[in-house]
Amino acid sequence: MWIEKNGPTYRIRDLIVGKKVTVKSGFITKTAAKNAMKVLEADQVRGDYVDPRAGRVALAEWIDLWWPSHQVKLKPTSIKSEGARIRNHIQPWLGEYALSELTPMIVKSWVAQLLAGDEEVERDPLSPKTIRNAHGLLYAILQEAVHQRLIKTNPCQRTGLPRVEHKEMRFLTEAEISRLVSAMSAHWRPLVVLLVATGMRWAEVAGLKVKHMDVLARTVRVEEALHELAAGQELVTTAPKTERSRRTVTYPRDVAELLVPLVSNRGRDAYVFLGPDGGAVRYRKFWRLYVRCAARAGLSGLRIHDLRHTHAAHLIAGGVPLTGVQRRLGHSSITVTSDLYGHLLPVVDENILTAVESSLSKIDFRGLVGETDGDQARSTSSNVA
């Protein structure tokens, strides 16, 4: 902050969101302006000061200032998804509001509008999960405005969100896996088989290169992920989803035999899986084919990601502990694995019961049945005596 002469009076100026603004004005003397500025600076040190003029910045304008520094921390896929949420779900509804005008009630109304949709402008209702993602992004945008002292509190706090209904995962049986693989053309069978046999994510399999494969040791090293951000655009290679996603995954001998022709006599940096045109595999083209083949196999609605869930279910059915499942799937923590697949472990309750029975086996509960408090007291006195 600084003091400026303004006609016959003095005013306090400050730089807010890159713009010079007048904080207070009309001081008769420079000393009076200095004393007022000291109070404001003390409020800044305590964190109590928020210039009401700063809140006049429109949300859309603030997003334009906030986004460049935010997106440098994101992967290309997150830049695409979060950018779409801002363009489609935040700016059209809230962009014209000044930051200071946004209140919890306005945010609640925005959530309700997203949930209901708008027929006049042909906006379909959004799912609770999509709304939660948009709300979380808006929270982050406005929280930075709080940190920058543009507003005092985040209006996204305690606004309430629609409940996300739990959807049962889909797991394929051995017979269903066989039908799906048989329905695929010979060109795509090795890719589908590897998805089921390893539980790898689609982008991890699409990004596999010859140098990542060891068909003799029957291992694959997950080091890269290949993403199609938009139809017709250049594919983007990124690091795996999390640091724990960098992993080595084994696979059966039969799978190795399917992969041998795909890696033999090829350069180390060549992609293992290619499209029919010889280029890298594109998700959208494969998805359209996959949907038709799954329907022919009697598996309509089957997602590619369901193959990953199927792999996890078969591991658990085979007695693999959750820690092993976590490492193989590349989850960031055991909590993620437990939340997703913990309900598939009915043997856990049986093991707990066995442990409890073992620890209590030396206690004669039958001798305690019907015993009154008085009996217990006399027994205790007798033992003491």
Protein backbone atom coordinates (compact mmCIF):
# COMPACT_ATOMS: atom_id res chain seq x y z
CA MET A 1 0.00 0.00 0.00
CA TRP A 2 1.06 3.59 -0.55
CA ILE A 3 -0.27 7.14 -0.20
CA GLU A 4 -1.03 9.46 -3.08
CA LYS A 5 -2.09 13.07 -3.37
CA ASN A 6 -5.59 13.22 -4.88
CA GLY A 7 -6.58 16.80 -5.53
CA PRO A 8 -6.88 18.64 -2.19
CA THR A 9 -6.91 15.36 -0.21
CA TYR A 10 -4.88 12.16 0.19
CA ARG A 11 -5.79 8.57 -0.56
CA ILE A 12 -4.45 5.07 0.18
CA ARG A 13 -3.72 2.95 -2.90
CA ASP A 14 -2.89 -0.74 -3.29
CA LEU A 15 -2.15 -3.29 -6.02
CA ILE A 16 -4.93 -5.88 -6.15
CA VAL A 17 -5.11 -8.66 -8.75
CA GLY A 18 -2.56 -6.74 -10.82
CA LYS A 19 -4.55 -3.49 -10.76
CA LYS A 20 -4.06 -0.25 -8.84
CA VAL A 21 -7.11 0.46 -6.68
CA THR A 22 -8.05 3.07 -4.10
CA VAL A 23 -8.47 1.52 -0.67
CA LYS A 24 -9.54 4.66 1.21
CA SER A 25 -9.66 8.31 0.25
CA GLY A 26 -10.66 11.76 1.51
CA PHE A 27 -7.90 12.28 4.10
CA ILE A 28 -7.32 15.97 4.78
CA THR A 29 -3.68 15.52 5.78
CA LYS A 30 -0.96 13.10 4.77
CA THR A 31 -0.43 12.19 8.45
CA ALA A 32 -4.04 11.07 8.76
CA ALA A 33 -3.63 8.91 5.68
CA LYS A 34 -0.42 7.38 7.11
CA ASN A 35 -2.11 6.55 10.42
CA ALA A 36 -5.00 4.86 8.61
CA MET A 37 -2.60 2.91 6.42
CA LYS A 38 -0.74 1.64 9.53
CA VAL A 39 -4.02 0.21 10.84
CA LEU A 40 -4.70 -1.49 7.52
CA GLU A 41 -1.16 -2.91 7.41
CA ALA A 42 -1.57 -4.27 10.95
CA ASP A 43 -4.79 -5.98 9.81
CA GLN A 44 -2.86 -7.50 6.91
CA VAL A 45 -0.22 -8.91 9.27
CA ARG A 46 -2.94 -10.47 11.45
CA GLY A 47 -4.71 -11.79 8.35
CA ASP A 48 -7.86 -9.80 9.10
CA TYR A 49 -7.70 -7.38 6.22
CA VAL A 50 -9.70 -7.95 3.05
CA ASP A 51 -10.17 -5.04 0.70
CA PRO A 52 -13.86 -4.94 -0.25
CA ARG A 53 -12.89 -3.59 -3.64
CA ALA A 54 -10.93 -6.77 -4.38
CA GLY A 55 -14.13 -8.77 -4.24
CA ARG A 56 -15.48 -6.82 -7.19
CA VAL A 57 -13.41 -8.98 -9.52
CA ALA A 58 -15.70 -11.21 -11.57
CA LEU A 59 -15.31 -14.96 -11.07
CA ALA A 60 -14.55 -15.42 -14.79
CA GLU A 61 -11.79 -12.81 -14.56
CA TRP A 62 -10.36 -14.43 -11.44
CA ILE A 63 -10.36 -17.86 -13.13
CA ASP A 64 -8.36 -16.40 -16.03
CA LEU A 65 -5.75 -15.21 -13.52
CA TRP A 66 -5.81 -18.41 -11.46
CA TRP A 67 -5.79 -21.04 -14.23
CA PRO A 68 -2.26 -20.58 -15.72
CA SER A 69 -0.53 -21.22 -12.38
CA HIS A 70 -2.90 -24.10 -11.59
CA GLN A 71 -2.63 -26.03 -14.83
CA VAL A 72 1.17 -26.32 -14.66
CA LYS A 73 0.62 -28.81 -11.80
CA LEU A 74 -1.75 -30.98 -13.83
CA LYS A 75 -1.31 -33.82 -16.27
CA PRO A 76 -2.68 -33.31 -19.80
CA THR A 77 -5.72 -35.44 -19.02
CA SER A 78 -6.52 -33.35 -15.92
CA ILE A 79 -6.02 -30.12 -17.87
CA LYS A 80 -8.62 -31.35 -20.33
CA SER A 81 -11.16 -32.51 -17.73
CA GLU A 82 -10.83 -29.54 -15.37
CA GLY A 83 -10.83 -27.07 -18.26
CA ALA A 84 -14.07 -28.65 -19.52
CA ARG A 85 -15.66 -28.33 -16.07
CA ILE A 86 -14.81 -24.64 -15.96
CA ARG A 87 -16.11 -23.97 -19.49
CA ASN A 88 -19.24 -26.09 -19.24
CA HIS A 89 -20.34 -26.07 -15.61
CA ILE A 90 -18.84 -23.08 -13.79
CA GLN A 91 -18.43 -20.07 -16.06
CA PRO A 92 -21.83 -20.26 -17.85
CA TRP A 93 -23.67 -20.23 -14.49
CA LEU A 94 -21.42 -18.20 -12.18
CA GLY A 95 -18.82 -16.42 -14.31
CA GLU A 96 -20.51 -13.00 -14.23
CA TYR A 97 -20.81 -12.90 -10.42
CA ALA A 98 -18.28 -10.76 -8.54
CA LEU A 99 -16.32 -12.79 -5.99
CA SER A 100 -17.91 -10.85 -3.14
CA GLU A 101 -21.40 -11.61 -4.50
CA LEU A 102 -20.97 -15.38 -4.27
CA THR A 103 -22.66 -16.75 -1.16
CA PRO A 104 -23.39 -20.28 0.08
CA MET A 105 -26.99 -19.85 -1.06
CA ILE A 106 -25.88 -18.96 -4.60
CA VAL A 107 -23.61 -22.00 -4.65
CA LYS A 108 -26.47 -24.19 -3.38
CA SER A 109 -28.70 -22.83 -6.13
CA TRP A 110 -25.98 -23.57 -8.70
CA VAL A 111 -25.73 -27.17 -7.48
CA ALA A 112 -29.51 -27.54 -7.74
CA GLN A 113 -29.51 -26.13 -11.28
CA LEU A 114 -26.79 -28.56 -12.38
CA LEU A 115 -28.77 -31.44 -10.90
CA ALA A 116 -32.01 -30.34 -12.61
CA GLY A 117 -30.59 -29.24 -15.97
CA ASP A 118 -32.09 -26.51 -18.14
CA GLU A 119 -34.29 -27.41 -21.10
CA GLU A 120 -34.36 -23.84 -22.45
CA VAL A 121 -30.62 -23.85 -23.15
CA GLU A 122 -30.51 -27.62 -23.72
CA ARG A 123 -28.38 -28.44 -20.69
CA ASP A 124 -28.90 -31.99 -19.52
CA PRO A 125 -28.99 -32.80 -15.79
CA LEU A 126 -25.61 -33.79 -14.43
CA SER A 127 -24.87 -36.86 -12.35
CA PRO A 128 -24.09 -36.37 -8.63
CA LYS A 129 -20.49 -37.44 -9.23
CA THR A 130 -20.02 -34.87 -12.01
CA ILE A 131 -21.53 -32.18 -9.79
CA ARG A 132 -19.20 -33.11 -6.94
CA ASN A 133 -16.21 -32.81 -9.28
CA ALA A 134 -17.34 -29.38 -10.47
CA HIS A 135 -18.02 -28.24 -6.90
CA GLY A 136 -14.57 -29.40 -5.79
CA LEU A 137 -12.95 -27.40 -8.58
CA LEU A 138 -14.97 -24.29 -7.71
CA TYR A 139 -13.92 -24.73 -4.08
CA ALA A 140 -10.24 -24.76 -5.11
CA ILE A 141 -10.71 -21.66 -7.28
CA LEU A 142 -12.36 -19.70 -4.47
CA GLN A 143 -10.00 -20.98 -1.78
CA GLU A 144 -7.13 -19.37 -3.64
CA ALA A 145 -9.15 -16.14 -3.66
CA VAL A 146 -9.34 -16.47 0.14
CA HIS A 147 -5.57 -16.97 0.34
CA GLN A 148 -5.05 -13.87 -1.81
CA ARG A 149 -7.29 -11.85 0.55
CA LEU A 150 -9.86 -11.15 -2.14
CA ILE A 151 -12.69 -12.62 -0.04
CA LYS A 152 -12.90 -13.55 3.64
CA THR A 153 -14.46 -16.99 3.43
CA ASN A 154 -15.07 -19.67 0.83
CA PRO A 155 -18.79 -19.71 -0.12
CA CYS A 156 -18.49 -23.38 -1.13
CA GLN A 157 -18.23 -24.45 2.50
CA ARG A 158 -21.22 -26.32 3.94
CA THR A 159 -23.31 -25.98 0.80
CA GLY A 160 -24.42 -29.62 0.62
CA LEU A 161 -23.99 -31.95 -2.32
CA PRO A 162 -26.14 -34.70 -3.89
CA ARG A 163 -25.37 -38.21 -2.73
CA VAL A 164 -23.55 -40.47 -5.16
CA GLU A 165 -25.39 -43.77 -5.47
CA HIS A 166 -23.19 -46.82 -5.17
CA LYS A 167 -22.95 -48.81 -8.38
CA GLU A 168 -22.08 -52.46 -8.25
CA MET A 169 -18.93 -53.38 -10.11
CA ARG A 170 -19.13 -55.86 -12.91
CA PHE A 171 -16.94 -58.97 -12.79
CA LEU A 172 -16.68 -61.52 -15.57
CA THR A 173 -16.64 -65.25 -15.04
CA GLU A 174 -14.15 -67.46 -16.86
CA ALA A 175 -16.84 -68.37 -19.40
CA GLU A 176 -17.69 -64.71 -20.02
CA ILE A 177 -14.03 -63.83 -20.50
CA SER A 178 -13.75 -66.63 -23.06
CA ARG A 179 -16.81 -65.35 -24.93
CA LEU A 180 -15.48 -61.80 -25.00
CA VAL A 181 -12.06 -62.82 -26.30
CA SER A 182 -13.64 -65.06 -28.94
CA ALA A 183 -15.85 -62.19 -30.12
CA MET A 184 -12.82 -59.96 -30.74
CA SER A 185 -10.95 -60.10 -34.03
CA ALA A 186 -7.55 -61.82 -34.02
CA HIS A 187 -5.86 -58.43 -34.25
CA TRP A 188 -7.28 -57.26 -30.91
CA ARG A 189 -7.33 -60.48 -28.89
CA PRO A 190 -3.81 -60.09 -27.39
CA LEU A 191 -4.69 -56.61 -26.12
CA VAL A 192 -7.92 -57.75 -24.45
CA VAL A 193 -6.22 -60.81 -22.99
CA LEU A 194 -3.44 -58.64 -21.49
CA LEU A 195 -6.01 -56.30 -19.93
CA VAL A 196 -7.73 -59.23 -18.22
CA ALA A 197 -4.49 -61.04 -17.31
CA THR A 198 -2.75 -58.06 -15.69
CA GLY A 199 -5.46 -55.65 -14.53
CA MET A 200 -3.56 -52.81 -16.18
CA ARG A 201 -5.36 -49.57 -17.03
CA TRP A 202 -6.25 -48.89 -20.67
CA ALA A 203 -3.76 -46.02 -21.02
CA GLU A 204 -0.99 -48.18 -19.53
CA VAL A 205 -1.58 -50.96 -22.07
CA ALA A 206 -1.95 -48.52 -24.97
CA GLY A 207 1.38 -46.91 -24.02
CA LEU A 208 3.37 -50.15 -23.82
CA LYS A 209 6.52 -50.26 -25.90
CA VAL A 210 8.64 -53.23 -26.86
CA LYS A 211 11.33 -52.20 -24.34
CA HIS A 212 8.78 -52.57 -21.53
CA MET A 213 8.07 -56.22 -22.36
CA ASP A 214 10.06 -59.32 -21.39
CA VAL A 215 8.19 -62.29 -22.82
CA LEU A 216 10.82 -64.74 -21.57
CA ALA A 217 10.47 -63.59 -17.96
CA ARG A 218 6.74 -63.00 -18.61
CA THR A 219 6.84 -59.49 -17.14
CA VAL A 220 5.77 -56.04 -18.27
CA ARG A 221 7.11 -52.79 -16.83
CA VAL A 222 4.58 -49.96 -16.53
CA GLU A 223 6.47 -46.73 -17.24
CA GLU A 224 4.21 -44.69 -19.54
CA ALA A 225 0.56 -44.04 -20.30
CA LEU A 226 -0.87 -43.03 -23.68
CA HIS A 227 -3.93 -40.76 -23.79
CA GLU A 228 -6.25 -39.55 -26.53
CA LEU A 229 -7.43 -36.14 -25.32
CA ALA A 230 -9.70 -35.47 -28.29
CA ALA A 231 -10.66 -37.16 -31.54
CA GLY A 232 -8.18 -36.46 -34.30
CA GLN A 233 -5.66 -34.77 -32.01
CA GLU A 234 -2.15 -36.00 -31.39
CA LEU A 235 -1.84 -38.65 -28.69
CA VAL A 236 -0.19 -37.59 -25.42
CA THR A 237 2.28 -39.68 -23.42
CA THR A 238 2.40 -39.12 -19.66
CA ALA A 239 3.81 -40.77 -16.57
CA PRO A 240 1.55 -43.40 -14.96
CA LYS A 241 -1.36 -42.20 -12.83
CA THR A 242 0.53 -42.28 -9.51
CA GLU A 243 4.08 -43.06 -8.40
CA ARG A 244 2.93 -46.51 -7.23
CA SER A 245 1.57 -47.11 -10.72
CA ARG A 246 5.17 -47.57 -11.86
CA ARG A 247 5.41 -51.28 -11.36
CA THR A 248 6.35 -54.62 -12.84
CA VAL A 249 3.46 -56.97 -13.60
CA THR A 250 3.73 -60.68 -14.38
CA TYR A 251 1.48 -62.66 -16.70
CA PRO A 252 0.92 -66.36 -17.57
CA ARG A 253 2.85 -68.34 -20.17
CA ASP A 254 -0.16 -68.55 -22.51
CA VAL A 255 -0.33 -64.74 -22.58
CA ALA A 256 3.40 -64.52 -23.33
CA GLU A 257 2.92 -66.77 -26.35
CA LEU A 258 0.28 -64.38 -27.70
CA LEU A 259 2.66 -61.42 -27.25
CA VAL A 260 5.76 -62.93 -28.85
CA PRO A 261 4.74 -62.04 -32.43
CA LEU A 262 4.04 -58.46 -31.38
CA VAL A 263 7.53 -57.80 -30.00
CA SER A 264 9.75 -59.99 -32.19
CA ASN A 265 12.14 -58.16 -34.54
CA ARG A 266 10.79 -54.73 -33.64
CA GLY A 267 12.49 -51.60 -32.36
CA ARG A 268 12.62 -51.00 -28.62
CA ASP A 269 10.60 -47.80 -28.86
CA ALA A 270 7.86 -49.26 -31.05
CA TYR A 271 4.41 -49.56 -29.53
CA VAL A 272 3.40 -53.15 -28.75
CA PHE A 273 -0.19 -52.64 -29.84
CA LEU A 274 -1.02 -50.88 -33.09
CA GLY A 275 -4.23 -50.03 -34.87
CA PRO A 276 -5.15 -51.71 -38.16
CA ASP A 277 -3.62 -48.71 -39.97
CA GLY A 278 -0.26 -49.27 -38.25
CA GLY A 279 -0.52 -46.23 -35.97
CA ALA A 280 -0.78 -46.10 -32.20
CA VAL A 281 -4.00 -47.42 -30.69
CA ARG A 282 -6.72 -44.80 -30.28
CA TYR A 283 -9.23 -45.25 -27.50
CA ARG A 284 -12.29 -43.98 -29.39
CA LYS A 285 -11.81 -46.27 -32.38
CA PHE A 286 -11.14 -49.29 -30.20
CA TRP A 287 -14.10 -48.47 -27.92
CA ARG A 288 -16.61 -48.54 -30.78
CA LEU A 289 -15.33 -51.96 -31.85
CA TYR A 290 -15.20 -53.22 -28.26
CA VAL A 291 -18.85 -52.27 -27.60
CA ARG A 292 -20.03 -54.24 -30.62
CA CYS A 293 -17.96 -57.29 -29.73
CA ALA A 294 -19.09 -57.24 -26.09
CA ALA A 295 -22.72 -57.13 -27.26
CA ARG A 296 -22.14 -60.11 -29.55
CA ALA A 297 -20.71 -61.98 -26.57
CA GLY A 298 -23.87 -61.26 -24.57
CA LEU A 299 -22.06 -58.68 -22.42
CA SER A 300 -23.81 -55.43 -23.36
CA GLY A 301 -22.74 -52.43 -21.31
CA LEU A 302 -19.38 -53.95 -20.39
CA ARG A 303 -16.75 -51.24 -19.89
CA ILE A 304 -13.06 -51.66 -20.64
CA HIS A 305 -12.35 -50.78 -17.00
CA ASP A 306 -14.51 -53.73 -15.94
CA LEU A 307 -11.70 -55.99 -17.14
CA ARG A 308 -9.49 -54.43 -14.46
CA HIS A 309 -12.17 -55.05 -11.84
CA THR A 310 -12.49 -58.63 -13.09
CA HIS A 311 -8.76 -59.19 -12.65
CA ALA A 312 -8.90 -57.89 -9.07
CA ALA A 313 -11.90 -60.09 -8.25
CA HIS A 314 -10.12 -63.20 -9.54
CA LEU A 315 -7.02 -62.35 -7.49
CA ILE A 316 -9.10 -62.05 -4.33
CA ALA A 317 -11.00 -65.22 -5.12
CA GLY A 318 -7.61 -66.92 -5.40
CA GLY A 319 -6.64 -65.82 -1.91
CA VAL A 320 -4.30 -62.95 -2.82
CA PRO A 321 -4.23 -60.44 0.09
CA LEU A 322 -5.28 -56.84 -0.53
CA THR A 323 -1.68 -55.63 -0.22
CA GLY A 324 -0.76 -57.87 -3.16
CA VAL A 325 -3.75 -56.64 -5.14
CA GLN A 326 -2.75 -53.04 -4.41
CA ARG A 327 0.80 -53.51 -5.69
CA ARG A 328 -0.33 -55.35 -8.81
CA LEU A 329 -2.97 -52.77 -9.75
CA GLY A 330 -0.76 -49.81 -8.86
CA HIS A 331 -3.18 -48.17 -6.42
CA SER A 332 -1.84 -45.16 -4.55
CA SER A 333 -2.72 -46.69 -1.16
CA ILE A 334 -4.18 -49.78 0.44
CA THR A 335 -7.21 -47.65 1.35
CA VAL A 336 -8.11 -47.30 -2.32
CA THR A 337 -7.89 -51.06 -2.81
CA SER A 338 -9.89 -51.80 0.33
CA ASP A 339 -12.61 -49.31 -0.56
CA LEU A 340 -12.97 -50.81 -4.04
CA TYR A 341 -12.64 -54.51 -3.34
CA GLY A 342 -12.80 -55.05 0.42
CA HIS A 343 -16.39 -56.28 0.16
CA LEU A 344 -15.17 -59.22 -1.92
CA LEU A 345 -13.40 -60.72 1.09
CA PRO A 346 -15.99 -62.83 2.95
CA VAL A 347 -13.18 -65.00 4.32
CA VAL A 348 -12.01 -62.06 6.42
CA ASP A 349 -14.97 -62.45 8.77
CA GLU A 350 -14.31 -66.19 9.02
CA ASN A 351 -10.65 -65.57 9.93
CA ILE A 352 -11.63 -63.00 12.52
CA LEU A 353 -14.06 -65.45 14.09
CA THR A 354 -11.38 -68.16 14.17
CA ALA A 355 -8.93 -65.78 15.85
CA VAL A 356 -11.47 -64.75 18.49
CA GLU A 357 -12.42 -68.36 19.21
CA SER A 358 -8.75 -69.26 19.61
CA SER A 359 -8.01 -66.40 22.02
CA LEU A 360 -11.04 -67.19 24.18
CA SER A 361 -10.84 -70.98 24.03
CA LYS A 362 -9.32 -71.31 27.53
CA ILE A 363 -12.20 -69.51 29.23
CA ASP A 364 -14.98 -71.71 30.59
CA PHE A 365 -18.01 -69.62 29.64
CA ARG A 366 -20.37 -72.45 30.64
CA GLY A 367 -19.32 -72.12 34.26
CA LEU A 368 -20.21 -68.43 34.21
CA VAL A 369 -23.71 -68.88 32.81
CA GLY A 370 -26.37 -68.03 35.44
CA GLU A 371 -23.79 -66.71 37.89
CA THR A 372 -25.12 -63.66 39.77
CA ASP A 373 -23.21 -60.60 40.95
CA GLY A 374 -23.44 -61.97 44.47
CA ASP A 375 -21.97 -65.28 43.39
CA GLN A 376 -19.10 -63.44 41.70
CA ALA A 377 -18.48 -61.34 44.80
CA ARG A 378 -18.41 -64.42 47.11
CA SER A 379 -16.14 -66.22 44.69
CA THR A 380 -13.77 -63.28 44.61
CA SER A 381 -13.75 -63.04 48.44
CA SER A 382 -13.04 -66.72 48.72
CA ASN A 383 -10.14 -66.49 46.31
CA VAL A 384 -8.70 -63.55 48.20
CA ALA A 385 -9.00 -65.42 51.52
